[in-house]
N, C-alpha and C. Protein backbone atom coordinates (compact mmCIF):
# COMPACT_ATOMS: atom_id res chain seq x y z
N MET A 1 -111.66 141.37 88.35
CA MET A 1 -110.76 140.43 89.00
C MET A 1 -111.59 139.33 89.64
N HIS A 2 -111.14 138.11 89.50
CA HIS A 2 -111.81 136.94 90.04
C HIS A 2 -111.43 136.74 91.50
N ILE A 3 -112.33 136.18 92.29
CA ILE A 3 -112.09 136.00 93.73
C ILE A 3 -110.90 135.07 94.00
N LEU A 4 -110.64 134.12 93.12
CA LEU A 4 -109.53 133.18 93.32
C LEU A 4 -108.20 133.71 92.78
N GLN A 5 -108.26 134.81 92.08
CA GLN A 5 -107.06 135.40 91.49
C GLN A 5 -106.25 136.14 92.55
N PRO A 6 -104.92 135.93 92.60
CA PRO A 6 -104.12 136.64 93.59
C PRO A 6 -104.12 138.15 93.33
N LYS A 7 -103.92 138.91 94.40
CA LYS A 7 -103.93 140.37 94.32
C LYS A 7 -102.65 140.86 93.61
N HIS A 8 -102.82 141.79 92.67
CA HIS A 8 -101.71 142.39 91.95
C HIS A 8 -101.61 143.86 92.36
N ILE A 9 -100.45 144.27 92.87
CA ILE A 9 -100.27 145.62 93.39
C ILE A 9 -99.11 146.30 92.67
N LYS A 10 -99.35 147.51 92.19
CA LYS A 10 -98.30 148.30 91.53
C LYS A 10 -97.44 148.96 92.61
N LEU A 11 -96.11 148.78 92.54
CA LEU A 11 -95.21 149.37 93.52
C LEU A 11 -94.87 150.82 93.14
N ASN A 12 -94.65 151.66 94.15
CA ASN A 12 -94.22 153.04 93.88
C ASN A 12 -92.69 153.07 93.77
N GLU A 13 -92.13 154.20 93.42
CA GLU A 13 -90.69 154.31 93.16
C GLU A 13 -89.84 153.94 94.39
N LYS A 14 -90.26 154.36 95.57
CA LYS A 14 -89.51 154.04 96.78
C LYS A 14 -89.50 152.54 97.03
N GLU A 15 -90.65 151.89 96.87
CA GLU A 15 -90.75 150.44 97.05
C GLU A 15 -89.90 149.70 96.02
N ILE A 16 -89.86 150.22 94.80
CA ILE A 16 -89.06 149.60 93.74
C ILE A 16 -87.58 149.65 94.10
N GLU A 17 -87.10 150.83 94.53
CA GLU A 17 -85.69 150.98 94.92
C GLU A 17 -85.33 150.02 96.04
N GLU A 18 -86.19 149.93 97.06
CA GLU A 18 -85.94 149.04 98.19
C GLU A 18 -85.91 147.58 97.76
N LEU A 19 -86.85 147.19 96.90
CA LEU A 19 -86.91 145.81 96.42
C LEU A 19 -85.67 145.44 95.64
N LEU A 20 -85.29 146.27 94.67
CA LEU A 20 -84.13 145.97 93.84
C LEU A 20 -82.85 145.92 94.68
N SER A 21 -82.75 146.80 95.67
CA SER A 21 -81.60 146.80 96.56
C SER A 21 -81.58 145.54 97.42
N GLU A 22 -82.73 145.18 97.97
CA GLU A 22 -82.83 144.00 98.84
C GLU A 22 -82.50 142.71 98.08
N LEU A 23 -83.01 142.60 96.84
CA LEU A 23 -82.78 141.40 96.05
C LEU A 23 -81.46 141.44 95.29
N ASN A 24 -80.84 142.63 95.22
CA ASN A 24 -79.59 142.83 94.50
C ASN A 24 -79.72 142.41 93.03
N VAL A 25 -80.78 142.91 92.40
CA VAL A 25 -81.03 142.64 90.98
C VAL A 25 -81.41 143.94 90.29
N SER A 26 -81.45 143.89 88.96
CA SER A 26 -81.96 145.02 88.19
C SER A 26 -83.35 144.67 87.68
N LYS A 27 -84.06 145.66 87.16
CA LYS A 27 -85.40 145.40 86.62
C LYS A 27 -85.36 144.34 85.52
N ALA A 28 -84.29 144.37 84.72
CA ALA A 28 -84.18 143.45 83.60
C ALA A 28 -84.07 141.99 84.05
N GLN A 29 -83.66 141.77 85.29
CA GLN A 29 -83.49 140.41 85.80
C GLN A 29 -84.76 139.84 86.41
N LEU A 30 -85.78 140.67 86.61
CA LEU A 30 -87.04 140.19 87.16
C LEU A 30 -87.86 139.48 86.09
N PRO A 31 -88.70 138.52 86.49
CA PRO A 31 -89.62 137.90 85.52
C PRO A 31 -90.54 138.97 84.95
N LYS A 32 -91.10 138.69 83.79
CA LYS A 32 -91.89 139.70 83.09
C LYS A 32 -93.37 139.35 83.07
N ILE A 33 -94.19 140.38 82.93
CA ILE A 33 -95.63 140.24 82.73
C ILE A 33 -96.02 141.21 81.63
N LEU A 34 -96.87 140.77 80.72
CA LEU A 34 -97.24 141.61 79.59
C LEU A 34 -98.20 142.73 79.99
N LEU A 35 -98.05 143.87 79.36
CA LEU A 35 -98.91 145.02 79.60
C LEU A 35 -100.37 144.68 79.26
N THR A 36 -100.57 143.74 78.36
CA THR A 36 -101.92 143.37 77.94
C THR A 36 -102.58 142.37 78.89
N ASP A 37 -101.88 141.94 79.93
CA ASP A 37 -102.44 140.98 80.89
C ASP A 37 -103.61 141.64 81.62
N HIS A 38 -104.73 140.96 81.70
CA HIS A 38 -105.95 141.53 82.27
C HIS A 38 -105.91 141.70 83.78
N VAL A 39 -104.98 141.05 84.45
CA VAL A 39 -104.93 141.14 85.91
C VAL A 39 -104.19 142.38 86.41
N LEU A 40 -103.51 143.09 85.54
CA LEU A 40 -102.74 144.26 85.96
C LEU A 40 -103.65 145.37 86.48
N PRO A 41 -103.19 146.09 87.52
CA PRO A 41 -103.96 147.24 88.00
C PRO A 41 -104.04 148.31 86.91
N GLU A 42 -105.01 149.19 87.03
CA GLU A 42 -105.16 150.27 86.05
C GLU A 42 -103.95 151.21 86.10
N ASN A 43 -103.70 151.90 85.01
CA ASN A 43 -102.63 152.89 84.88
C ASN A 43 -101.23 152.29 84.93
N CYS A 44 -101.08 151.02 84.62
CA CYS A 44 -99.74 150.44 84.55
C CYS A 44 -99.10 150.80 83.21
N VAL A 45 -97.81 151.02 83.25
CA VAL A 45 -97.04 151.31 82.03
C VAL A 45 -95.83 150.39 82.00
N ILE A 46 -95.21 150.31 80.85
CA ILE A 46 -94.02 149.48 80.70
C ILE A 46 -92.95 149.96 81.68
N GLY A 47 -92.34 149.03 82.39
CA GLY A 47 -91.30 149.35 83.35
C GLY A 47 -91.78 149.34 84.79
N ASP A 48 -93.10 149.34 85.01
CA ASP A 48 -93.62 149.25 86.38
C ASP A 48 -93.32 147.87 86.95
N ILE A 49 -93.25 147.79 88.27
CA ILE A 49 -93.06 146.50 88.92
C ILE A 49 -94.33 146.18 89.70
N ILE A 50 -94.80 144.95 89.52
CA ILE A 50 -96.03 144.48 90.13
C ILE A 50 -95.71 143.44 91.20
N LYS A 51 -96.35 143.59 92.35
CA LYS A 51 -96.22 142.63 93.45
C LYS A 51 -97.46 141.74 93.41
N ILE A 52 -97.24 140.43 93.35
CA ILE A 52 -98.34 139.48 93.32
C ILE A 52 -98.37 138.78 94.67
N LYS A 53 -99.46 138.97 95.41
CA LYS A 53 -99.60 138.40 96.75
C LYS A 53 -100.32 137.06 96.66
N ARG A 54 -99.60 136.00 97.02
CA ARG A 54 -100.16 134.65 97.05
C ARG A 54 -99.96 134.07 98.44
N ASN A 55 -100.62 132.96 98.70
CA ASN A 55 -100.48 132.29 99.99
C ASN A 55 -99.04 131.85 100.24
N GLU A 56 -98.34 131.46 99.19
CA GLU A 56 -96.96 130.98 99.31
C GLU A 56 -95.98 132.12 99.57
N GLY A 57 -96.37 133.35 99.31
CA GLY A 57 -95.49 134.49 99.48
C GLY A 57 -95.74 135.52 98.40
N ASP A 58 -94.86 136.50 98.34
CA ASP A 58 -94.97 137.57 97.35
C ASP A 58 -94.06 137.30 96.17
N PHE A 59 -94.56 137.59 94.98
CA PHE A 59 -93.81 137.42 93.74
C PHE A 59 -93.80 138.77 93.02
N PHE A 60 -92.75 139.02 92.25
CA PHE A 60 -92.60 140.31 91.60
C PHE A 60 -92.40 140.11 90.10
N ARG A 61 -93.01 140.99 89.32
CA ARG A 61 -92.91 140.97 87.86
C ARG A 61 -92.72 142.39 87.36
N VAL A 62 -91.97 142.53 86.26
CA VAL A 62 -91.82 143.84 85.62
C VAL A 62 -92.71 143.84 84.37
N VAL A 63 -93.41 144.94 84.16
CA VAL A 63 -94.34 145.06 83.03
C VAL A 63 -93.55 145.33 81.76
N VAL A 64 -93.82 144.52 80.72
CA VAL A 64 -93.19 144.72 79.41
C VAL A 64 -94.25 144.83 78.34
């Protein structure tokens, strides 16, 4: 991971439920990130949700 690259964090099941409830969306409605993307944390699988921490705020992507 590069020093200028934002931190990518894999959410656990409880965090996923809270996020989807708070945003009132389903996983299918979240923006997507490819499983082959090099910035993903290790042990990611299709369907995981990734939190991207940037200065502007947090962004969420579902792994496809």
